[in-house]
Amino acid sequence: MSFDSDKYSVDKDPYEWCLKQSERLNAIDPQMNIQMRNHKLLAQLPGELEHAVKCRCQQNCTLDDIANMLQDIRKRTNIGKFNLYRGSGFKEK
């Protein structure tokens, strides 16, 4: 599986996913700076989850910080757990 095709979902372990994606990015470009790595990782998150992490994230946050934020959001909220459909309420993924 490649970096671009491995999108994050709430059923994945955030620590494993972040580590795998970071290793893939290091293989692609070992000289990548922290801000670019974080930007690419966050772009792999679903919309609302990406926004929630970006709101909590400092510019130079570590990989552990991102994984901890994902874990915290996953435990405390319903973000990413349901698909919302107009007119039909919501359905669980």
Protein backbone atom coordinates (compact mmCIF):
# COMPACT_ATOMS: atom_id res chain seq x y z
CA MET A 1 0.00 0.00 0.00
CA SER A 2 1.32 3.46 -0.84
CA PHE A 3 1.25 6.68 1.15
CA ASP A 4 -1.51 8.27 -0.95
CA SER A 5 -3.83 5.28 -0.86
CA ASP A 6 -3.62 4.69 2.92
CA LYS A 7 -6.16 7.19 4.25
CA TYR A 8 -6.83 7.33 7.98
CA SER A 9 -10.12 6.02 9.34
CA VAL A 10 -11.28 5.73 12.95
CA ASP A 11 -11.02 1.94 12.93
CA LYS A 12 -7.22 2.20 12.50
CA ASP A 13 -4.80 2.57 15.40
CA PRO A 14 -3.57 6.19 15.21
CA TYR A 15 -0.07 5.35 16.46
CA GLU A 16 0.51 2.57 13.92
CA TRP A 17 -0.97 4.62 11.08
CA CYS A 18 1.13 7.72 11.88
CA LEU A 19 4.31 5.65 12.17
CA LYS A 20 3.71 3.80 8.87
CA GLN A 21 2.88 7.02 7.04
CA SER A 22 5.92 8.78 8.50
CA GLU A 23 8.19 5.91 7.42
CA ARG A 24 6.72 6.10 3.92
CA LEU A 25 7.34 9.85 3.78
CA ASN A 26 10.92 9.35 4.99
CA ALA A 27 11.45 6.80 2.22
CA ILE A 28 10.09 9.25 -0.37
CA ASP A 29 12.07 12.26 0.90
CA PRO A 30 14.44 11.81 3.87
CA GLN A 31 15.12 15.58 3.97
CA MET A 32 11.45 16.55 4.39
CA ASN A 33 10.95 19.13 7.15
CA ILE A 34 8.48 18.73 10.02
CA GLN A 35 5.93 21.21 8.67
CA MET A 36 5.75 19.48 5.28
CA ARG A 37 5.50 16.03 6.88
CA ASN A 38 2.67 17.22 9.14
CA HIS A 39 0.88 18.85 6.21
CA LYS A 40 1.04 15.64 4.16
CA LEU A 41 -0.10 13.50 7.11
CA LEU A 42 -3.04 15.78 7.91
CA ALA A 43 -4.09 15.78 4.25
CA GLN A 44 -4.68 12.01 4.60
CA LEU A 45 -7.38 12.56 7.24
CA PRO A 46 -11.11 12.90 6.49
CA GLY A 47 -12.31 16.55 6.39
CA GLU A 48 -13.78 17.06 9.87
CA LEU A 49 -11.02 15.05 11.51
CA GLU A 50 -8.34 17.00 9.63
CA HIS A 51 -9.91 20.26 10.83
CA ALA A 52 -10.12 19.02 14.44
CA VAL A 53 -6.44 18.01 14.48
CA LYS A 54 -5.30 21.23 12.78
CA CYS A 55 -7.13 23.26 15.44
CA ARG A 56 -5.18 21.45 18.18
CA CYS A 57 -1.84 21.20 16.38
CA GLN A 58 1.13 23.53 16.79
CA GLN A 59 3.19 24.27 13.68
CA ASN A 60 6.12 22.07 14.77
CA CYS A 61 4.21 19.31 16.56
CA THR A 62 5.75 15.87 16.65
CA LEU A 63 4.45 12.62 15.23
CA ASP A 64 3.53 11.56 18.77
CA ASP A 65 1.51 14.76 19.21
CA ILE A 66 -0.52 14.03 16.07
CA ALA A 67 -1.11 10.41 17.09
CA ASN A 68 -2.17 11.53 20.59
CA MET A 69 -4.58 14.09 19.11
CA LEU A 70 -6.10 11.46 16.81
CA GLN A 71 -6.50 9.06 19.73
CA ASP A 72 -8.05 11.76 21.92
CA ILE A 73 -10.47 12.89 19.20
CA ARG A 74 -11.38 9.27 18.45
CA LYS A 75 -12.21 8.60 22.11
CA ARG A 76 -13.99 11.86 22.96
CA THR A 77 -16.00 12.70 19.84
CA ASN A 78 -18.04 11.14 17.05
CA ILE A 79 -15.98 12.84 14.34
CA GLY A 80 -15.40 10.40 11.51
CA LYS A 81 -17.59 7.68 13.01
CA PHE A 82 -20.73 8.49 11.05
CA ASN A 83 -21.59 9.55 7.51
CA LEU A 84 -24.17 12.31 7.42
CA TYR A 85 -26.73 12.23 4.65
CA ARG A 86 -29.19 15.01 3.92
CA GLY A 87 -32.78 14.12 4.54
CA SER A 88 -32.10 10.66 5.89
CA GLY A 89 -30.44 11.36 9.24
CA PHE A 90 -27.13 9.63 9.69
CA LYS A 91 -25.85 6.15 9.10
CA GLU A 92 -22.96 4.43 10.79
CA LYS A 93 -20.02 3.56 8.55
